[in-house]
N, C-alpha and C. Protein backbone atom coordinates (compact mmCIF):
# COMPACT_ATOMS: atom_id res chain seq x y z
N MET A 1 13.63 20.51 -6.34
CA MET A 1 12.21 20.22 -6.44
C MET A 1 11.93 18.90 -5.72
N THR A 2 10.80 18.81 -5.05
CA THR A 2 10.39 17.59 -4.38
C THR A 2 8.93 17.30 -4.70
N LEU A 3 8.57 16.06 -4.50
CA LEU A 3 7.17 15.67 -4.64
C LEU A 3 6.46 16.04 -3.35
N ARG A 4 5.53 16.94 -3.42
CA ARG A 4 4.83 17.42 -2.23
C ARG A 4 3.46 16.74 -2.15
N TYR A 5 3.44 15.57 -1.54
CA TYR A 5 2.18 14.84 -1.42
C TYR A 5 1.50 15.17 -0.10
N THR A 6 0.20 14.97 -0.05
CA THR A 6 -0.57 15.27 1.16
C THR A 6 -1.07 14.02 1.87
N ASP A 7 -1.07 12.88 1.19
CA ASP A 7 -1.56 11.65 1.80
C ASP A 7 -1.11 10.48 0.93
N ALA A 8 -1.16 9.29 1.47
CA ALA A 8 -0.84 8.09 0.71
C ALA A 8 -1.79 6.98 1.15
N PHE A 9 -2.23 6.18 0.19
CA PHE A 9 -3.06 5.04 0.54
C PHE A 9 -2.93 3.97 -0.53
N VAL A 10 -3.40 2.78 -0.22
CA VAL A 10 -3.31 1.63 -1.11
C VAL A 10 -4.68 1.43 -1.75
N VAL A 11 -4.68 1.14 -3.06
CA VAL A 11 -5.93 0.83 -3.75
C VAL A 11 -5.80 -0.48 -4.51
N LEU A 12 -6.88 -1.21 -4.55
CA LEU A 12 -6.95 -2.46 -5.29
C LEU A 12 -7.94 -2.28 -6.43
N ALA A 13 -7.56 -2.68 -7.62
CA ALA A 13 -8.43 -2.56 -8.79
C ALA A 13 -9.14 -3.89 -9.03
N THR A 14 -10.41 -3.82 -9.37
CA THR A 14 -11.18 -5.01 -9.66
C THR A 14 -12.35 -4.68 -10.58
N THR A 15 -12.76 -5.65 -11.37
CA THR A 15 -13.97 -5.47 -12.17
C THR A 15 -15.18 -5.95 -11.39
N ASP A 16 -14.95 -6.49 -10.19
CA ASP A 16 -16.03 -7.00 -9.33
C ASP A 16 -15.93 -6.34 -7.95
N CYS A 17 -16.26 -5.06 -7.91
CA CYS A 17 -16.17 -4.30 -6.65
C CYS A 17 -17.00 -4.94 -5.54
N LYS A 18 -18.20 -5.38 -5.87
CA LYS A 18 -19.12 -5.91 -4.86
C LYS A 18 -18.48 -7.05 -4.07
N THR A 19 -17.88 -8.01 -4.76
CA THR A 19 -17.27 -9.15 -4.08
C THR A 19 -16.13 -8.71 -3.19
N LEU A 20 -15.28 -7.84 -3.68
CA LEU A 20 -14.12 -7.41 -2.90
C LEU A 20 -14.55 -6.54 -1.72
N VAL A 21 -15.52 -5.68 -1.91
CA VAL A 21 -16.02 -4.86 -0.79
C VAL A 21 -16.64 -5.76 0.28
N GLN A 22 -17.40 -6.76 -0.12
CA GLN A 22 -17.97 -7.70 0.85
C GLN A 22 -16.88 -8.42 1.62
N PHE A 23 -15.84 -8.89 0.91
CA PHE A 23 -14.74 -9.59 1.56
C PHE A 23 -14.06 -8.70 2.60
N TYR A 24 -13.66 -7.50 2.20
CA TYR A 24 -12.94 -6.62 3.13
C TYR A 24 -13.85 -6.09 4.23
N SER A 25 -15.13 -5.92 3.98
CA SER A 25 -16.06 -5.54 5.04
C SER A 25 -16.11 -6.62 6.10
N CYS A 26 -16.14 -7.86 5.66
CA CYS A 26 -16.16 -9.00 6.57
C CYS A 26 -14.81 -9.15 7.28
N LEU A 27 -13.73 -9.14 6.52
CA LEU A 27 -12.40 -9.31 7.09
C LEU A 27 -12.09 -8.25 8.14
N LEU A 28 -12.41 -7.01 7.83
CA LEU A 28 -12.06 -5.89 8.71
C LEU A 28 -13.17 -5.57 9.72
N ALA A 29 -14.30 -6.28 9.63
CA ALA A 29 -15.45 -6.03 10.50
C ALA A 29 -15.80 -4.54 10.50
N SER A 30 -15.84 -3.98 9.30
CA SER A 30 -16.08 -2.55 9.14
C SER A 30 -16.67 -2.29 7.77
N GLN A 31 -17.52 -1.31 7.69
CA GLN A 31 -18.06 -0.89 6.41
C GLN A 31 -17.18 0.21 5.83
N PRO A 32 -17.14 0.34 4.52
CA PRO A 32 -16.33 1.41 3.94
C PRO A 32 -16.82 2.78 4.39
N LYS A 33 -15.88 3.69 4.57
CA LYS A 33 -16.21 5.08 4.94
C LYS A 33 -16.77 5.83 3.74
N VAL A 34 -16.30 5.47 2.56
CA VAL A 34 -16.80 6.02 1.30
C VAL A 34 -17.25 4.83 0.47
N TYR A 35 -18.44 4.91 -0.10
CA TYR A 35 -18.92 3.79 -0.91
C TYR A 35 -19.79 4.28 -2.06
N LEU A 36 -19.33 4.02 -3.26
CA LEU A 36 -20.09 4.27 -4.48
C LEU A 36 -20.27 2.90 -5.12
N PRO A 37 -21.45 2.28 -5.00
CA PRO A 37 -21.64 0.91 -5.46
C PRO A 37 -21.09 0.66 -6.87
N ASP A 38 -20.38 -0.45 -6.98
CA ASP A 38 -19.79 -0.92 -8.23
C ASP A 38 -18.79 0.07 -8.85
N THR A 39 -18.30 1.02 -8.05
CA THR A 39 -17.35 2.00 -8.57
C THR A 39 -16.16 2.20 -7.65
N TYR A 40 -16.41 2.47 -6.35
CA TYR A 40 -15.33 2.81 -5.43
C TYR A 40 -15.76 2.59 -3.99
N ALA A 41 -14.83 2.11 -3.19
CA ALA A 41 -15.04 1.98 -1.75
C ALA A 41 -13.73 2.32 -1.06
N GLU A 42 -13.84 2.85 0.14
CA GLU A 42 -12.63 3.21 0.88
C GLU A 42 -12.82 2.88 2.35
N PHE A 43 -11.90 2.07 2.86
CA PHE A 43 -11.90 1.69 4.27
C PHE A 43 -10.83 2.51 4.99
N GLN A 44 -11.13 2.91 6.21
CA GLN A 44 -10.15 3.62 7.03
C GLN A 44 -9.67 2.64 8.09
N LEU A 45 -8.42 2.18 7.94
CA LEU A 45 -7.81 1.28 8.90
C LEU A 45 -6.90 2.11 9.80
N THR A 46 -6.47 1.54 10.88
CA THR A 46 -5.49 2.22 11.72
C THR A 46 -4.22 2.40 10.91
N GLY A 47 -3.87 3.63 10.62
CA GLY A 47 -2.63 3.92 9.91
C GLY A 47 -2.67 3.74 8.40
N LEU A 48 -3.85 3.44 7.82
CA LEU A 48 -3.89 3.20 6.38
C LEU A 48 -5.31 3.39 5.84
N ARG A 49 -5.39 3.95 4.65
CA ARG A 49 -6.64 3.94 3.90
C ARG A 49 -6.52 2.88 2.82
N LEU A 50 -7.53 2.05 2.69
CA LEU A 50 -7.56 1.01 1.67
C LEU A 50 -8.71 1.31 0.73
N GLY A 51 -8.38 1.55 -0.52
CA GLY A 51 -9.40 1.83 -1.53
C GLY A 51 -9.59 0.64 -2.45
N ILE A 52 -10.80 0.49 -2.95
CA ILE A 52 -11.13 -0.54 -3.94
C ILE A 52 -11.85 0.19 -5.06
N PHE A 53 -11.38 0.01 -6.28
CA PHE A 53 -12.02 0.72 -7.38
C PHE A 53 -12.18 -0.15 -8.60
N LYS A 54 -13.14 0.21 -9.41
CA LYS A 54 -13.37 -0.47 -10.69
C LYS A 54 -12.80 0.43 -11.77
N PRO A 55 -11.76 -0.04 -12.47
CA PRO A 55 -11.18 0.80 -13.52
C PRO A 55 -12.15 0.97 -14.69
N GLU A 56 -11.94 2.01 -15.43
CA GLU A 56 -12.71 2.21 -16.66
C GLU A 56 -12.43 1.04 -17.60
N LYS A 57 -13.42 0.66 -18.38
CA LYS A 57 -13.25 -0.48 -19.30
C LYS A 57 -12.04 -0.31 -20.20
N SER A 58 -11.75 0.89 -20.60
CA SER A 58 -10.60 1.13 -21.47
C SER A 58 -9.27 0.83 -20.76
N ASN A 59 -9.29 0.70 -19.44
CA ASN A 59 -8.07 0.42 -18.67
C ASN A 59 -8.01 -1.00 -18.12
N TYR A 60 -8.98 -1.85 -18.43
CA TYR A 60 -9.00 -3.21 -17.89
C TYR A 60 -7.69 -3.95 -18.14
N GLN A 61 -7.14 -3.84 -19.32
CA GLN A 61 -5.92 -4.57 -19.66
C GLN A 61 -4.76 -4.19 -18.74
N GLU A 62 -4.74 -2.96 -18.31
CA GLU A 62 -3.69 -2.48 -17.40
C GLU A 62 -3.65 -3.29 -16.12
N PHE A 63 -4.81 -3.78 -15.67
CA PHE A 63 -4.90 -4.49 -14.40
C PHE A 63 -5.09 -5.99 -14.58
N ALA A 64 -5.16 -6.47 -15.81
CA ALA A 64 -5.48 -7.87 -16.08
C ALA A 64 -4.45 -8.85 -15.53
N ASN A 65 -3.20 -8.48 -15.48
CA ASN A 65 -2.16 -9.40 -15.03
C ASN A 65 -1.63 -9.06 -13.65
N SER A 66 -2.47 -8.49 -12.81
CA SER A 66 -2.01 -8.07 -11.48
C SER A 66 -1.97 -9.21 -10.47
N ALA A 67 -2.63 -10.34 -10.76
CA ALA A 67 -2.54 -11.49 -9.87
C ALA A 67 -1.09 -11.97 -9.85
N LYS A 68 -0.70 -12.50 -8.74
CA LYS A 68 0.67 -12.98 -8.54
C LYS A 68 1.67 -11.82 -8.54
N SER A 69 1.21 -10.64 -8.20
CA SER A 69 2.13 -9.50 -8.13
C SER A 69 2.94 -9.58 -6.84
N SER A 70 3.93 -8.74 -6.73
CA SER A 70 4.76 -8.74 -5.52
C SER A 70 4.14 -7.90 -4.41
N THR A 71 2.99 -7.32 -4.65
CA THR A 71 2.32 -6.49 -3.65
C THR A 71 1.60 -7.37 -2.63
N SER A 72 1.72 -6.98 -1.37
CA SER A 72 1.01 -7.67 -0.29
C SER A 72 0.37 -6.63 0.61
N LEU A 73 -0.78 -6.96 1.15
CA LEU A 73 -1.40 -6.16 2.20
C LEU A 73 -1.03 -6.84 3.51
N CYS A 74 -0.25 -6.18 4.34
CA CYS A 74 0.20 -6.77 5.61
C CYS A 74 -0.63 -6.23 6.75
N LEU A 75 -1.17 -7.13 7.54
CA LEU A 75 -1.96 -6.75 8.70
C LEU A 75 -1.36 -7.39 9.94
N GLU A 76 -0.95 -6.57 10.90
CA GLU A 76 -0.47 -7.11 12.17
C GLU A 76 -1.69 -7.45 13.01
N VAL A 77 -1.71 -8.65 13.56
CA VAL A 77 -2.84 -9.11 14.37
C VAL A 77 -2.37 -9.42 15.78
N GLU A 78 -3.29 -9.37 16.73
CA GLU A 78 -2.95 -9.67 18.12
C GLU A 78 -2.80 -11.16 18.34
N ASP A 79 -3.61 -11.97 17.66
CA ASP A 79 -3.60 -13.42 17.86
C ASP A 79 -3.71 -14.09 16.50
N LEU A 80 -2.61 -14.66 16.04
CA LEU A 80 -2.56 -15.23 14.69
C LEU A 80 -3.52 -16.41 14.53
N GLU A 81 -3.60 -17.27 15.53
CA GLU A 81 -4.50 -18.42 15.43
C GLU A 81 -5.96 -17.98 15.31
N ASN A 82 -6.35 -16.96 16.07
CA ASN A 82 -7.72 -16.45 15.95
C ASN A 82 -7.95 -15.84 14.57
N ALA A 83 -6.96 -15.15 14.03
CA ALA A 83 -7.08 -14.56 12.70
C ALA A 83 -7.25 -15.65 11.64
N ILE A 84 -6.50 -16.73 11.77
CA ILE A 84 -6.62 -17.86 10.84
C ILE A 84 -8.01 -18.48 10.95
N ALA A 85 -8.49 -18.66 12.17
CA ALA A 85 -9.82 -19.23 12.38
C ALA A 85 -10.89 -18.34 11.76
N TYR A 86 -10.72 -17.03 11.90
CA TYR A 86 -11.70 -16.10 11.34
C TYR A 86 -11.70 -16.15 9.81
N LEU A 87 -10.52 -16.15 9.20
CA LEU A 87 -10.45 -16.26 7.74
C LEU A 87 -11.10 -17.55 7.25
N THR A 88 -10.87 -18.62 7.97
CA THR A 88 -11.48 -19.90 7.62
C THR A 88 -13.00 -19.82 7.74
N GLU A 89 -13.47 -19.17 8.80
CA GLU A 89 -14.91 -19.01 9.03
C GLU A 89 -15.59 -18.23 7.91
N ILE A 90 -14.91 -17.22 7.37
CA ILE A 90 -15.53 -16.42 6.30
C ILE A 90 -15.27 -17.00 4.91
N GLY A 91 -14.66 -18.19 4.87
CA GLY A 91 -14.51 -18.89 3.60
C GLY A 91 -13.22 -18.68 2.85
N TYR A 92 -12.21 -18.13 3.51
CA TYR A 92 -10.92 -17.88 2.87
C TYR A 92 -9.78 -18.42 3.73
N PRO A 93 -9.73 -19.73 3.95
CA PRO A 93 -8.68 -20.28 4.81
C PRO A 93 -7.30 -20.10 4.17
N PRO A 94 -6.31 -19.73 4.97
CA PRO A 94 -4.95 -19.64 4.43
C PRO A 94 -4.49 -21.01 3.94
N PRO A 95 -3.89 -21.08 2.75
CA PRO A 95 -3.53 -22.37 2.18
C PRO A 95 -2.27 -23.00 2.78
N GLY A 96 -1.45 -22.23 3.46
CA GLY A 96 -0.18 -22.75 3.95
C GLY A 96 -0.13 -22.87 5.46
N GLU A 97 1.08 -23.01 5.93
CA GLU A 97 1.33 -23.14 7.37
C GLU A 97 1.91 -21.84 7.91
N ILE A 98 1.85 -21.68 9.21
CA ILE A 98 2.46 -20.53 9.87
C ILE A 98 3.97 -20.60 9.66
N ALA A 99 4.56 -19.48 9.28
CA ALA A 99 6.01 -19.39 9.08
C ALA A 99 6.60 -18.48 10.14
N ILE A 100 7.86 -18.70 10.42
CA ILE A 100 8.60 -17.85 11.35
C ILE A 100 9.42 -16.88 10.52
N ALA A 101 9.20 -15.60 10.73
CA ALA A 101 9.92 -14.55 10.01
C ALA A 101 10.71 -13.71 11.02
N SER A 102 11.52 -12.82 10.51
CA SER A 102 12.35 -12.00 11.39
C SER A 102 11.53 -11.12 12.32
N HIS A 103 10.33 -10.78 11.92
CA HIS A 103 9.48 -9.86 12.69
C HIS A 103 8.40 -10.56 13.50
N GLY A 104 8.29 -11.88 13.36
CA GLY A 104 7.27 -12.62 14.11
C GLY A 104 6.76 -13.81 13.32
N ARG A 105 5.62 -14.32 13.73
CA ARG A 105 4.99 -15.45 13.04
C ARG A 105 4.02 -14.88 12.01
N GLU A 106 3.94 -15.54 10.84
CA GLU A 106 3.07 -15.02 9.79
C GLU A 106 2.46 -16.14 8.97
N ILE A 107 1.40 -15.78 8.28
CA ILE A 107 0.77 -16.70 7.34
C ILE A 107 0.21 -15.89 6.18
N TYR A 108 0.20 -16.50 5.01
CA TYR A 108 -0.33 -15.85 3.82
C TYR A 108 -1.78 -16.29 3.62
N ALA A 109 -2.60 -15.33 3.26
CA ALA A 109 -3.98 -15.60 2.85
C ALA A 109 -4.19 -14.80 1.56
N TYR A 110 -5.32 -15.00 0.93
CA TYR A 110 -5.59 -14.32 -0.34
C TYR A 110 -7.03 -13.84 -0.39
N ASP A 111 -7.22 -12.64 -0.93
CA ASP A 111 -8.58 -12.13 -1.10
C ASP A 111 -9.19 -12.75 -2.36
N PRO A 112 -10.44 -12.46 -2.68
CA PRO A 112 -11.08 -13.08 -3.85
C PRO A 112 -10.37 -12.82 -5.17
N LEU A 113 -9.56 -11.76 -5.26
CA LEU A 113 -8.81 -11.47 -6.48
C LEU A 113 -7.46 -12.17 -6.52
N GLY A 114 -7.06 -12.74 -5.40
CA GLY A 114 -5.75 -13.35 -5.32
C GLY A 114 -4.69 -12.43 -4.74
N THR A 115 -5.08 -11.26 -4.25
CA THR A 115 -4.12 -10.36 -3.61
C THR A 115 -3.63 -11.01 -2.33
N ARG A 116 -2.33 -11.07 -2.16
CA ARG A 116 -1.73 -11.68 -0.98
C ARG A 116 -1.98 -10.79 0.24
N ILE A 117 -2.47 -11.41 1.31
CA ILE A 117 -2.64 -10.75 2.59
C ILE A 117 -1.71 -11.47 3.56
N ILE A 118 -0.77 -10.74 4.13
CA ILE A 118 0.13 -11.34 5.11
C ILE A 118 -0.37 -10.94 6.49
N LEU A 119 -0.81 -11.93 7.24
CA LEU A 119 -1.20 -11.71 8.63
C LEU A 119 -0.01 -12.09 9.49
N TYR A 120 0.38 -11.20 10.38
CA TYR A 120 1.51 -11.55 11.23
C TYR A 120 1.28 -11.10 12.66
N GLN A 121 1.92 -11.85 13.56
CA GLN A 121 1.89 -11.54 14.99
C GLN A 121 3.33 -11.32 15.41
N SER A 122 3.61 -10.13 15.91
CA SER A 122 4.98 -9.79 16.32
C SER A 122 5.41 -10.63 17.51
N TYR A 123 6.73 -10.76 17.64
CA TYR A 123 7.28 -11.46 18.82
C TYR A 123 7.06 -10.64 20.05
């Protein structure tokens, strides 16, 4: 027996959909392909669907301690310095310095919920 899935995508849970949808709309320079105000939004990125949803109140506790999780949204960018400047312009400057990793140069940024976003430029 195997798990027969048809698609995979990443979703972020929040009790404040509006703020997160605004952030990712600005960051990605794109509006969600699916949008149900204060309930669900879905962005179509190259190679990935990113969903944002508001959990039912009975499930809030399930997501309450998700900050500082090991999950990261990684975005490969063409120009890391321009990406840093853009994040700063929209009010979310990366708090650290550019690091050298095995796959290229990278920097950590955070969305309004504290979800880690790793922006990297390949060698």
